[in-house]
Amino acid sequence: MGDAVDLVLAQWGRERPDVDVWPMGIVGRISRLSRLLDLRLKEFFAERGLERWEFDVLATLRRSGPPYELTAGALNRAAMITSGAITNRIDRMAKRGLVERVPDETDRRSVRVRLTEQGWETVEALVGPHAENEALLLAALGPRERDRLAGTLRDLLESLGDTSLD
């Protein structure tokens, strides 16, 4: 049967048989898969009254460990978005009572973003169901396939320099 990318590759094979389009098969599948996963995750979080990016911020703060706070810059690097976007997102989340801004005790020029009790409860309640949802999205893969895919994707990310959250 094949997937949508097989159709694209067949079209290129017909129209430009002189071009080796094998990379399009991989990049195209990763791109399409990313969009499909993003859509499914967005739906999952919307059903629970959150935006996906809100969960990402809450989860980043939660996994940072006690006292569950980071600078806006650290959040920005972890989320890979612009500093203007993170400021806007923090503002929106603070209005919802999920995070609060607190003065940095070591640098009076800096502010830290901390999980509130409501933010803590929200992320705690969602981590398990989120992991279960992601497992459902990957249910077509057996344990060996998952491990092999994770290793291959890790190798590719490392080769492109994605080796830290900074």
Protein backbone atom coordinates (compact mmCIF):
# COMPACT_ATOMS: atom_id res chain seq x y z
CA MET A 1 0.00 0.00 0.00
CA GLY A 2 2.55 2.61 1.06
CA ASP A 3 2.24 6.04 2.59
CA ALA A 4 1.80 9.53 1.17
CA VAL A 5 5.56 9.97 0.86
CA ASP A 6 5.74 6.89 -1.38
CA LEU A 7 3.33 8.70 -3.72
CA VAL A 8 5.57 11.80 -3.72
CA LEU A 9 8.65 9.71 -4.43
CA ALA A 10 6.88 7.91 -7.27
CA GLN A 11 5.89 11.26 -8.78
CA TRP A 12 9.49 12.50 -8.63
CA GLY A 13 10.66 9.19 -10.06
CA ARG A 14 8.34 9.68 -13.00
CA GLU A 15 9.08 13.38 -13.51
CA ARG A 16 12.80 13.50 -12.64
CA PRO A 17 14.27 10.01 -12.83
CA ASP A 18 17.72 11.61 -13.00
CA VAL A 19 17.49 12.87 -9.38
CA ASP A 20 18.11 10.50 -6.48
CA VAL A 21 15.32 11.57 -4.12
CA TRP A 22 15.93 9.06 -1.31
CA PRO A 23 16.54 11.91 1.23
CA MET A 24 13.02 13.20 0.53
CA GLY A 25 11.70 9.87 1.74
CA ILE A 26 13.27 10.30 5.15
CA VAL A 27 12.91 14.06 5.60
CA GLY A 28 9.39 13.99 4.19
CA ARG A 29 8.33 11.23 6.57
CA ILE A 30 9.88 12.97 9.58
CA SER A 31 8.15 16.23 8.59
CA ARG A 32 4.76 14.60 8.02
CA LEU A 33 5.08 12.58 11.21
CA SER A 34 5.96 15.72 13.16
CA ARG A 35 2.84 17.48 11.90
CA LEU A 36 0.62 14.48 12.66
CA LEU A 37 2.04 14.07 16.17
CA ASP A 38 1.75 17.81 16.83
CA LEU A 39 -1.92 17.70 15.81
CA ARG A 40 -2.69 14.70 18.03
CA LEU A 41 -0.84 16.23 21.00
CA LYS A 42 -2.56 19.56 20.50
CA GLU A 43 -5.93 17.77 20.58
CA PHE A 44 -4.94 15.84 23.73
CA PHE A 45 -4.00 18.99 25.62
CA ALA A 46 -6.95 21.01 24.30
CA GLU A 47 -9.30 18.39 25.75
CA ARG A 48 -7.65 19.13 29.09
CA GLY A 49 -7.82 22.92 28.81
CA LEU A 50 -4.17 23.52 27.92
CA GLU A 51 -2.13 24.51 24.93
CA ARG A 52 0.70 22.13 24.11
CA TRP A 53 3.27 24.86 24.77
CA GLU A 54 1.76 25.42 28.22
CA PHE A 55 2.37 21.79 29.10
CA ASP A 56 5.91 22.08 27.72
CA VAL A 57 6.62 25.03 30.05
CA LEU A 58 5.03 23.29 33.04
CA ALA A 59 6.91 20.05 32.31
CA THR A 60 10.21 21.91 31.86
CA LEU A 61 9.78 23.57 35.24
CA ARG A 62 8.66 20.32 36.91
CA ARG A 63 11.57 18.25 35.64
CA SER A 64 14.06 20.97 36.64
CA GLY A 65 13.68 19.75 40.22
CA PRO A 66 13.14 21.73 43.42
CA PRO A 67 12.36 24.61 43.68
CA TYR A 68 10.80 24.07 40.22
CA GLU A 69 11.88 27.40 38.78
CA LEU A 70 14.08 28.62 35.95
CA THR A 71 15.00 31.93 34.41
CA ALA A 72 13.01 32.99 31.38
CA GLY A 73 16.21 32.52 29.37
CA ALA A 74 16.57 28.90 30.48
CA LEU A 75 12.93 28.25 29.64
CA ASN A 76 13.47 29.95 26.30
CA ARG A 77 16.42 27.69 25.45
CA ALA A 78 14.56 24.55 26.50
CA ALA A 79 11.50 25.51 24.44
CA MET A 80 13.51 26.78 21.42
CA ILE A 81 11.38 29.89 20.90
CA THR A 82 12.13 33.60 20.78
CA SER A 83 12.58 35.62 23.97
CA GLY A 84 9.53 37.73 23.07
CA ALA A 85 7.43 34.60 22.72
CA ILE A 86 8.52 33.19 26.08
CA THR A 87 7.72 36.49 27.83
CA ASN A 88 4.24 36.49 26.31
CA ARG A 89 3.73 32.85 27.24
CA ILE A 90 4.85 33.40 30.81
CA ASP A 91 2.48 36.38 31.07
CA ARG A 92 -0.43 34.24 29.88
CA MET A 93 0.41 31.37 32.20
CA ALA A 94 0.85 33.72 35.17
CA LYS A 95 -2.63 35.15 34.52
CA ARG A 96 -3.98 31.59 34.63
CA GLY A 97 -2.21 30.97 37.95
CA LEU A 98 0.07 28.23 36.58
CA VAL A 99 3.39 30.04 37.15
CA GLU A 100 4.63 33.05 39.05
CA ARG A 101 7.56 35.37 38.64
CA VAL A 102 9.93 35.58 41.61
CA PRO A 103 13.04 37.73 42.09
CA ASP A 104 16.31 35.90 41.60
CA GLU A 105 18.02 35.74 44.98
CA THR A 106 21.51 35.78 43.45
CA ASP A 107 20.96 38.37 40.69
CA ARG A 108 18.59 41.24 41.43
CA ARG A 109 18.38 42.07 37.71
CA SER A 110 16.93 38.67 36.93
CA VAL A 111 13.54 37.10 37.50
CA ARG A 112 12.80 33.42 37.81
CA VAL A 113 9.65 31.61 36.71
CA ARG A 114 8.28 29.17 39.27
CA LEU A 115 5.50 26.61 39.24
CA THR A 116 2.58 27.61 41.42
CA GLU A 117 0.64 25.02 43.38
CA GLN A 118 -1.96 25.03 40.59
CA GLY A 119 0.78 24.60 37.98
CA TRP A 120 2.29 21.73 39.98
CA GLU A 121 -1.08 19.99 40.28
CA THR A 122 -1.78 20.50 36.58
CA VAL A 123 1.50 18.99 35.40
CA GLU A 124 1.38 16.17 37.94
CA ALA A 125 -2.11 15.21 36.80
CA LEU A 126 -1.09 15.20 33.11
CA VAL A 127 2.34 13.56 33.00
CA GLY A 128 0.98 10.01 33.28
CA PRO A 129 -1.90 10.41 30.82
CA HIS A 130 0.44 12.25 28.42
CA ALA A 131 2.94 9.37 28.48
CA GLU A 132 0.09 6.90 27.93
CA ASN A 133 -1.19 8.98 25.01
CA GLU A 134 2.25 9.05 23.41
CA ALA A 135 2.51 5.27 23.88
CA LEU A 136 -0.79 4.91 22.01
CA LEU A 137 0.54 7.10 19.20
CA LEU A 138 3.53 4.75 18.89
CA ALA A 139 1.57 1.52 19.34
CA ALA A 140 2.38 0.36 15.80
CA LEU A 141 6.00 -0.17 16.91
CA GLY A 142 7.19 -3.16 18.87
CA PRO A 143 9.86 -2.83 21.59
CA ARG A 144 12.78 -3.61 19.25
CA GLU A 145 11.50 -1.20 16.61
CA ARG A 146 11.08 1.55 19.24
CA ASP A 147 14.62 1.07 20.50
CA ARG A 148 16.06 1.00 16.99
CA LEU A 149 14.09 4.09 15.94
CA ALA A 150 15.05 5.98 19.11
CA GLY A 151 18.72 5.16 18.49
CA THR A 152 18.59 6.19 14.85
CA LEU A 153 16.84 9.48 15.67
CA ARG A 154 19.34 10.12 18.48
CA ASP A 155 22.24 9.60 16.04
CA LEU A 156 20.67 12.02 13.56
CA LEU A 157 20.00 14.67 16.22
CA GLU A 158 23.57 14.36 17.54
CA SER A 159 24.95 14.71 14.02
CA LEU A 160 23.00 17.97 13.67
CA GLY A 161 24.35 19.30 16.99
CA ASP A 162 21.27 18.82 19.17
CA THR A 163 23.09 17.56 22.26
CA SER A 164 21.96 19.86 25.09
CA LEU A 165 19.04 21.96 26.29
CA ASP A 166 21.20 25.12 26.33
